[in-house]
Amino acid sequence: MRTIISLDDELHRRAKTYAAEHGTTLTTLVEEALRARLAERRVKRRPPVRLPTFRGEGLQDGLNLDEMGAIYDRMDGLR
């Protein structure tokens, strides 16, 4: 398939030089780079995030999750 892409001039120059030094074409270099990048994203899966939990009896008296300012003040020792 034929497609047109725009490259930064410096990137294009470096890629052409690299391809020539390695006896390949710019097309092949771009294809290899795309395949590698797409395979990397398929393989790399982050493990689920595990958050610590603590036993407790909920919020302290007088606190409400709708009033985060009060919670932050309590955490900072202001109230």
PDB file of N, CA and C in Angstrom:
ATOM      1  N   MET A   1       0.845  -1.170   0.000  1.00  0.00           N
ATOM      2  CA  MET A   1       0.000   0.000   0.000  1.00  0.00           C
ATOM      3  C   MET A   1       0.894   1.237   0.000  1.00  0.00           C
ATOM      4  N   ARG A   2       0.487   2.219  -0.708  1.00  0.00           N
ATOM      5  CA  ARG A   2       1.241   3.463  -0.781  1.00  0.00           C
ATOM      6  C   ARG A   2       0.551   4.480   0.124  1.00  0.00           C
ATOM      7  N   THR A   3       1.365   5.195   0.891  1.00  0.00           N
ATOM      8  CA  THR A   3       0.832   6.253   1.754  1.00  0.00           C
ATOM      9  C   THR A   3       1.854   7.371   1.829  1.00  0.00           C
ATOM     10  N   ILE A   4       1.418   8.513   2.253  1.00  0.00           N
ATOM     11  CA  ILE A   4       2.316   9.666   2.379  1.00  0.00           C
ATOM     12  C   ILE A   4       2.391  10.038   3.857  1.00  0.00           C
ATOM     13  N   ILE A   5       3.617  10.209   4.350  1.00  0.00           N
ATOM     14  CA  ILE A   5       3.810  10.683   5.722  1.00  0.00           C
ATOM     15  C   ILE A   5       4.718  11.901   5.687  1.00  0.00           C
ATOM     16  N   SER A   6       4.572  12.746   6.668  1.00  0.00           N
ATOM     17  CA  SER A   6       5.437  13.925   6.792  1.00  0.00           C
ATOM     18  C   SER A   6       6.413  13.685   7.928  1.00  0.00           C
ATOM     19  N   LEU A   7       7.676  13.933   7.658  1.00  0.00           N
ATOM     20  CA  LEU A   7       8.717  13.771   8.668  1.00  0.00           C
ATOM     21  C   LEU A   7       9.450  15.089   8.858  1.00  0.00           C
ATOM     22  N   ASP A   8       9.907  15.289  10.053  1.00  0.00           N
ATOM     23  CA  ASP A   8      10.785  16.404  10.345  1.00  0.00           C
ATOM     24  C   ASP A   8      12.027  16.269   9.460  1.00  0.00           C
ATOM     25  N   ASP A   9      12.545  17.369   8.944  1.00  0.00           N
ATOM     26  CA  ASP A   9      13.683  17.321   8.019  1.00  0.00           C
ATOM     27  C   ASP A   9      14.881  16.597   8.618  1.00  0.00           C
ATOM     28  N   GLU A  10      15.204  16.894   9.856  1.00  0.00           N
ATOM     29  CA  GLU A  10      16.356  16.264  10.505  1.00  0.00           C
ATOM     30  C   GLU A  10      16.121  14.759  10.689  1.00  0.00           C
ATOM     31  N   LEU A  11      14.915  14.386  11.099  1.00  0.00           N
ATOM     32  CA  LEU A  11      14.591  12.965  11.259  1.00  0.00           C
ATOM     33  C   LEU A  11      14.681  12.244   9.914  1.00  0.00           C
ATOM     34  N   HIS A  12      14.192  12.865   8.876  1.00  0.00           N
ATOM     35  CA  HIS A  12      14.253  12.272   7.537  1.00  0.00           C
ATOM     36  C   HIS A  12      15.707  12.061   7.102  1.00  0.00           C
ATOM     37  N   ARG A  13      16.537  13.066   7.317  1.00  0.00           N
ATOM     38  CA  ARG A  13      17.948  12.952   6.943  1.00  0.00           C
ATOM     39  C   ARG A  13      18.614  11.811   7.705  1.00  0.00           C
ATOM     40  N   ARG A  14      18.374  11.756   9.024  1.00  0.00           N
ATOM     41  CA  ARG A  14      18.992  10.717   9.851  1.00  0.00           C
ATOM     42  C   ARG A  14      18.499   9.331   9.446  1.00  0.00           C
ATOM     43  N   ALA A  15      17.208   9.226   9.150  1.00  0.00           N
ATOM     44  CA  ALA A  15      16.642   7.932   8.762  1.00  0.00           C
ATOM     45  C   ALA A  15      17.203   7.468   7.414  1.00  0.00           C
ATOM     46  N   LYS A  16      17.302   8.374   6.463  1.00  0.00           N
ATOM     47  CA  LYS A  16      17.865   8.018   5.160  1.00  0.00           C
ATOM     48  C   LYS A  16      19.316   7.566   5.309  1.00  0.00           C
ATOM     49  N   THR A  17      20.083   8.279   6.111  1.00  0.00           N
ATOM     50  CA  THR A  17      21.479   7.925   6.348  1.00  0.00           C
ATOM     51  C   THR A  17      21.578   6.544   7.003  1.00  0.00           C
ATOM     52  N   TYR A  18      20.755   6.317   8.022  1.00  0.00           N
ATOM     53  CA  TYR A  18      20.752   5.033   8.722  1.00  0.00           C
ATOM     54  C   TYR A  18      20.406   3.898   7.756  1.00  0.00           C
ATOM     55  N   ALA A  19      19.372   4.105   6.959  1.00  0.00           N
ATOM     56  CA  ALA A  19      18.953   3.080   6.006  1.00  0.00           C
ATOM     57  C   ALA A  19      20.080   2.765   5.022  1.00  0.00           C
ATOM     58  N   ALA A  20      20.724   3.802   4.500  1.00  0.00           N
ATOM     59  CA  ALA A  20      21.822   3.598   3.549  1.00  0.00           C
ATOM     60  C   ALA A  20      22.982   2.849   4.203  1.00  0.00           C
ATOM     61  N   GLU A  21      23.327   3.221   5.428  1.00  0.00           N
ATOM     62  CA  GLU A  21      24.427   2.559   6.138  1.00  0.00           C
ATOM     63  C   GLU A  21      24.128   1.093   6.410  1.00  0.00           C
ATOM     64  N   HIS A  22      22.854   0.751   6.530  1.00  0.00           N
ATOM     65  CA  HIS A  22      22.463  -0.622   6.845  1.00  0.00           C
ATOM     66  C   HIS A  22      21.934  -1.377   5.632  1.00  0.00           C
ATOM     67  N   GLY A  23      22.126  -0.792   4.449  1.00  0.00           N
ATOM     68  CA  GLY A  23      21.772  -1.480   3.217  1.00  0.00           C
ATOM     69  C   GLY A  23      20.285  -1.760   3.064  1.00  0.00           C
ATOM     70  N   THR A  24      19.456  -0.846   3.502  1.00  0.00           N
ATOM     71  CA  THR A  24      18.014  -1.024   3.383  1.00  0.00           C
ATOM     72  C   THR A  24      17.388   0.259   2.839  1.00  0.00           C
ATOM     73  N   THR A  25      16.093   0.257   2.725  1.00  0.00           N
ATOM     74  CA  THR A  25      15.408   1.448   2.223  1.00  0.00           C
ATOM     75  C   THR A  25      14.708   2.163   3.366  1.00  0.00           C
ATOM     76  N   LEU A  26      14.353   3.405   3.114  1.00  0.00           N
ATOM     77  CA  LEU A  26      13.602   4.162   4.115  1.00  0.00           C
ATOM     78  C   LEU A  26      12.253   3.495   4.373  1.00  0.00           C
ATOM     79  N   THR A  27      11.629   2.972   3.335  1.00  0.00           N
ATOM     80  CA  THR A  27      10.345   2.278   3.487  1.00  0.00           C
ATOM     81  C   THR A  27      10.475   1.089   4.435  1.00  0.00           C
ATOM     82  N   THR A  28      11.506   0.274   4.224  1.00  0.00           N
ATOM     83  CA  THR A  28      11.722  -0.889   5.080  1.00  0.00           C
ATOM     84  C   THR A  28      12.008  -0.465   6.514  1.00  0.00           C
ATOM     85  N   LEU A  29      12.797   0.573   6.681  1.00  0.00           N
ATOM     86  CA  LEU A  29      13.107   1.074   8.018  1.00  0.00           C
ATOM     87  C   LEU A  29      11.842   1.520   8.744  1.00  0.00           C
ATOM     88  N   VAL A  30      10.984   2.262   8.057  1.00  0.00           N
ATOM     89  CA  VAL A  30       9.731   2.734   8.660  1.00  0.00           C
ATOM     90  C   VAL A  30       8.836   1.544   8.994  1.00  0.00           C
ATOM     91  N   GLU A  31       8.732   0.581   8.100  1.00  0.00           N
ATOM     92  CA  GLU A  31       7.916  -0.604   8.361  1.00  0.00           C
ATOM     93  C   GLU A  31       8.414  -1.354   9.592  1.00  0.00           C
ATOM     94  N   GLU A  32       9.729  -1.559   9.679  1.00  0.00           N
ATOM     95  CA  GLU A  32      10.301  -2.266  10.829  1.00  0.00           C
ATOM     96  C   GLU A  32      10.035  -1.507  12.129  1.00  0.00           C
ATOM     97  N   ALA A  33      10.187  -0.191  12.082  1.00  0.00           N
ATOM     98  CA  ALA A  33       9.960   0.618  13.280  1.00  0.00           C
ATOM     99  C   ALA A  33       8.500   0.548  13.717  1.00  0.00           C
ATOM    100  N   LEU A  34       7.588   0.612  12.762  1.00  0.00           N
ATOM    101  CA  LEU A  34       6.164   0.517  13.093  1.00  0.00           C
ATOM    102  C   LEU A  34       5.811  -0.853  13.655  1.00  0.00           C
ATOM    103  N   ARG A  35       6.327  -1.902  13.034  1.00  0.00           N
ATOM    104  CA  ARG A  35       6.053  -3.252  13.543  1.00  0.00           C
ATOM    105  C   ARG A  35       6.583  -3.416  14.968  1.00  0.00           C
ATOM    106  N   ALA A  36       7.794  -2.936  15.211  1.00  0.00           N
ATOM    107  CA  ALA A  36       8.378  -3.051  16.548  1.00  0.00           C
ATOM    108  C   ALA A  36       7.559  -2.278  17.572  1.00  0.00           C
ATOM    109  N   ARG A  37       7.155  -1.083  17.230  1.00  0.00           N
ATOM    110  CA  ARG A  37       6.384  -0.259  18.160  1.00  0.00           C
ATOM    111  C   ARG A  37       5.018  -0.877  18.452  1.00  0.00           C
ATOM    112  N   LEU A  38       4.351  -1.372  17.417  1.00  0.00           N
ATOM    113  CA  LEU A  38       3.038  -1.977  17.610  1.00  0.00           C
ATOM    114  C   LEU A  38       3.124  -3.277  18.405  1.00  0.00           C
ATOM    115  N   ALA A  39       4.163  -4.066  18.185  1.00  0.00           N
ATOM    116  CA  ALA A  39       4.348  -5.306  18.943  1.00  0.00           C
ATOM    117  C   ALA A  39       4.650  -4.992  20.400  1.00  0.00           C
ATOM    118  N   GLU A  40       5.417  -3.944  20.642  1.00  0.00           N
ATOM    119  CA  GLU A  40       5.775  -3.537  22.003  1.00  0.00           C
ATOM    120  C   GLU A  40       4.523  -3.189  22.794  1.00  0.00           C
ATOM    121  N   ARG A  41       3.608  -2.468  22.198  1.00  0.00           N
ATOM    122  CA  ARG A  41       2.396  -2.056  22.889  1.00  0.00           C
ATOM    123  C   ARG A  41       1.484  -3.257  23.151  1.00  0.00           C
ATOM    124  N   ARG A  42       1.534  -4.254  22.286  1.00  0.00           N
ATOM    125  CA  ARG A  42       0.704  -5.431  22.467  1.00  0.00           C
ATOM    126  C   ARG A  42       1.234  -6.293  23.613  1.00  0.00           C
ATOM    127  N   VAL A  43       2.547  -6.382  23.725  1.00  0.00           N
ATOM    128  CA  VAL A  43       3.170  -7.246  24.717  1.00  0.00           C
ATOM    129  C   VAL A  43       3.190  -6.593  26.104  1.00  0.00           C
ATOM    130  N   LYS A  44       3.474  -5.313  26.155  1.00  0.00           N
ATOM    131  CA  LYS A  44       3.597  -4.626  27.441  1.00  0.00           C
ATOM    132  C   LYS A  44       2.235  -4.410  28.073  1.00  0.00           C
ATOM    133  N   ARG A  45       1.969  -5.129  29.110  1.00  0.00           N
ATOM    134  CA  ARG A  45       0.738  -4.923  29.872  1.00  0.00           C
ATOM    135  C   ARG A  45       1.131  -4.696  31.315  1.00  0.00           C
ATOM    136  N   ARG A  46       0.659  -3.627  31.845  1.00  0.00           N
ATOM    137  CA  ARG A  46       0.972  -3.330  33.241  1.00  0.00           C
ATOM    138  C   ARG A  46       0.108  -4.185  34.153  1.00  0.00           C
ATOM    139  N   PRO A  47       0.699  -4.636  35.238  1.00  0.00           N
ATOM    140  CA  PRO A  47      -0.118  -5.392  36.195  1.00  0.00           C
ATOM    141  C   PRO A  47      -1.138  -4.446  36.836  1.00  0.00           C
ATOM    142  N   PRO A  48      -2.235  -4.996  37.304  1.00  0.00           N
ATOM    143  CA  PRO A  48      -3.228  -4.118  37.932  1.00  0.00           C
ATOM    144  C   PRO A  48      -2.628  -3.416  39.151  1.00  0.00           C
ATOM    145  N   VAL A  49      -3.087  -2.232  39.376  1.00  0.00           N
ATOM    146  CA  VAL A  49      -2.614  -1.461  40.523  1.00  0.00           C
ATOM    147  C   VAL A  49      -3.295  -1.987  41.776  1.00  0.00           C
ATOM    148  N   ARG A  50      -2.515  -2.243  42.782  1.00  0.00           N
ATOM    149  CA  ARG A  50      -3.071  -2.700  44.056  1.00  0.00           C
ATOM    150  C   ARG A  50      -2.889  -1.585  45.074  1.00  0.00           C
ATOM    151  N   LEU A  51      -3.987  -1.087  45.542  1.00  0.00           N
ATOM    152  CA  LEU A  51      -3.946  -0.001  46.514  1.00  0.00           C
ATOM    153  C   LEU A  51      -4.076  -0.576  47.921  1.00  0.00           C
ATOM    154  N   PRO A  52      -3.324  -0.007  48.873  1.00  0.00           N
ATOM    155  CA  PRO A  52      -3.447  -0.505  50.242  1.00  0.00           C
ATOM    156  C   PRO A  52      -4.815  -0.141  50.827  1.00  0.00           C
ATOM    157  N   THR A  53      -5.325  -1.023  51.620  1.00  0.00           N
ATOM    158  CA  THR A  53      -6.577  -0.758  52.320  1.00  0.00           C
ATOM    159  C   THR A  53      -6.327  -0.893  53.816  1.00  0.00           C
ATOM    160  N   PHE A  54      -7.120  -0.215  54.583  1.00  0.00           N
ATOM    161  CA  PHE A  54      -6.959  -0.210  56.029  1.00  0.00           C
ATOM    162  C   PHE A  54      -8.311  -0.418  56.681  1.00  0.00           C
ATOM    163  N   ARG A  55      -8.292  -1.104  57.783  1.00  0.00           N
ATOM    164  CA  ARG A  55      -9.538  -1.282  58.531  1.00  0.00           C
ATOM    165  C   ARG A  55      -9.840   0.007  59.265  1.00  0.00           C
ATOM    166  N   GLY A  56     -11.070   0.275  59.410  1.00  0.00           N
ATOM    167  CA  GLY A  56     -11.459   1.474  60.125  1.00  0.00           C
ATOM    168  C   GLY A  56     -12.959   1.576  60.209  1.00  0.00           C
ATOM    169  N   GLU A  57     -13.404   2.665  60.734  1.00  0.00           N
ATOM    170  CA  GLU A  57     -14.840   2.850  60.915  1.00  0.00           C
ATOM    171  C   GLU A  57     -15.342   4.036  60.114  1.00  0.00           C
ATOM    172  N   GLY A  58     -14.724   4.307  58.967  1.00  0.00           N
ATOM    173  CA  GLY A  58     -15.175   5.387  58.111  1.00  0.00           C
ATOM    174  C   GLY A  58     -14.562   6.719  58.495  1.00  0.00           C
ATOM    175  N   LEU A  59     -15.218   7.791  58.083  1.00  0.00           N
ATOM    176  CA  LEU A  59     -14.718   9.136  58.360  1.00  0.00           C
ATOM    177  C   LEU A  59     -14.877   9.498  59.833  1.00  0.00           C
ATOM    178  N   GLN A  60     -14.023  10.380  60.271  1.00  0.00           N
ATOM    179  CA  GLN A  60     -14.150  10.891  61.631  1.00  0.00           C
ATOM    180  C   GLN A  60     -15.424  11.708  61.747  1.00  0.00           C
ATOM    181  N   ASP A  61     -15.940  11.802  62.959  1.00  0.00           N
ATOM    182  CA  ASP A  61     -17.147  12.595  63.190  1.00  0.00           C
ATOM    183  C   ASP A  61     -16.953  14.014  62.686  1.00  0.00           C
ATOM    184  N   GLY A  62     -17.963  14.547  62.036  1.00  0.00           N
ATOM    185  CA  GLY A  62     -17.939  15.918  61.563  1.00  0.00           C
ATOM    186  C   GLY A  62     -17.344  16.091  60.172  1.00  0.00           C
ATOM    187  N   LEU A  63     -16.871  15.006  59.565  1.00  0.00           N
ATOM    188  CA  LEU A  63     -16.304  15.116  58.221  1.00  0.00           C
ATOM    189  C   LEU A  63     -17.287  14.565  57.200  1.00  0.00           C
ATOM    190  N   ASN A  64     -17.243  15.160  55.999  1.00  0.00           N
ATOM    191  CA  ASN A  64     -18.137  14.786  54.919  1.00  0.00           C
ATOM    192  C   ASN A  64     -17.312  14.809  53.631  1.00  0.00           C
ATOM    193  N   LEU A  65     -17.448  13.790  52.812  1.00  0.00           N
ATOM    194  CA  LEU A  65     -16.657  13.733  51.576  1.00  0.00           C
ATOM    195  C   LEU A  65     -17.000  14.862  50.616  1.00  0.00           C
ATOM    196  N   ASP A  66     -18.126  15.517  50.787  1.00  0.00           N
ATOM    197  CA  ASP A  66     -18.492  16.656  49.952  1.00  0.00           C
ATOM    198  C   ASP A  66     -17.763  17.925  50.371  1.00  0.00           C
ATOM    199  N   GLU A  67     -17.081  17.876  51.517  1.00  0.00           N
ATOM    200  CA  GLU A  67     -16.362  19.049  52.031  1.00  0.00           C
ATOM    201  C   GLU A  67     -14.885  18.698  52.187  1.00  0.00           C
ATOM    202  N   MET A  68     -14.222  18.565  51.043  1.00  0.00           N
ATOM    203  CA  MET A  68     -12.819  18.143  51.061  1.00  0.00           C
ATOM    204  C   MET A  68     -11.917  19.158  51.752  1.00  0.00           C
ATOM    205  N   GLY A  69     -12.268  20.424  51.707  1.00  0.00           N
ATOM    206  CA  GLY A  69     -11.464  21.429  52.401  1.00  0.00           C
ATOM    207  C   GLY A  69     -11.350  21.123  53.878  1.00  0.00           C
ATOM    208  N   ALA A  70     -12.450  20.710  54.479  1.00  0.00           N
ATOM    209  CA  ALA A  70     -12.437  20.363  55.901  1.00  0.00           C
ATOM    210  C   ALA A  70     -11.572  19.132  56.155  1.00  0.00           C
ATOM    211  N   ILE A  71     -11.626  18.181  55.237  1.00  0.00           N
ATOM    212  CA  ILE A  71     -10.802  16.973  55.391  1.00  0.00           C
ATOM    213  C   ILE A  71      -9.326  17.328  55.309  1.00  0.00           C
ATOM    214  N   TYR A  72      -8.962  18.167  54.327  1.00  0.00           N
ATOM    215  CA  TYR A  72      -7.561  18.573  54.205  1.00  0.00           C
ATOM    216  C   TYR A  72      -7.114  19.376  55.427  1.00  0.00           C
ATOM    217  N   ASP A  73      -7.966  20.238  55.921  1.00  0.00           N
ATOM    218  CA  ASP A  73      -7.634  21.000  57.127  1.00  0.00           C
ATOM    219  C   ASP A  73      -7.387  20.058  58.288  1.00  0.00           C
ATOM    220  N   ARG A  74      -8.215  19.040  58.445  1.00  0.00           N
ATOM    221  CA  ARG A  74      -8.067  18.076  59.542  1.00  0.00           C
ATOM    222  C   ARG A  74      -6.761  17.318  59.387  1.00  0.00           C
ATOM    223  N   MET A  75      -6.439  16.956  58.127  1.00  0.00           N
ATOM    224  CA  MET A  75      -5.193  16.236  57.874  1.00  0.00           C
ATOM    225  C   MET A  75      -3.985  17.100  58.209  1.00  0.00           C
ATOM    226  N   ASP A  76      -4.098  18.413  57.945  1.00  0.00           N
ATOM    227  CA  ASP A  76      -3.003  19.327  58.225  1.00  0.00           C
ATOM    228  C   ASP A  76      -3.003  19.798  59.674  1.00  0.00           C
ATOM    229  N   GLY A  77      -3.966  19.333  60.464  1.00  0.00           N
ATOM    230  CA  GLY A  77      -4.012  19.695  61.873  1.00  0.00           C
ATOM    231  C   GLY A  77      -4.568  21.068  62.132  1.00  0.00           C
ATOM    232  N   LEU A  78      -5.321  21.631  61.184  1.00  0.00           N
ATOM    233  CA  LEU A  78      -5.857  22.991  61.356  1.00  0.00           C
ATOM    234  C   LEU A  78      -7.180  22.997  62.092  1.00  0.00           C
ATOM    235  N   ARG A  79      -7.885  21.892  62.145  1.00  0.00           N
ATOM    236  CA  ARG A  79      -9.160  21.841  62.861  1.00  0.00           C
ATOM    237  C   ARG A  79      -9.174  20.712  63.865  1.00  0.00           C
TER     238      ARG A  79
END
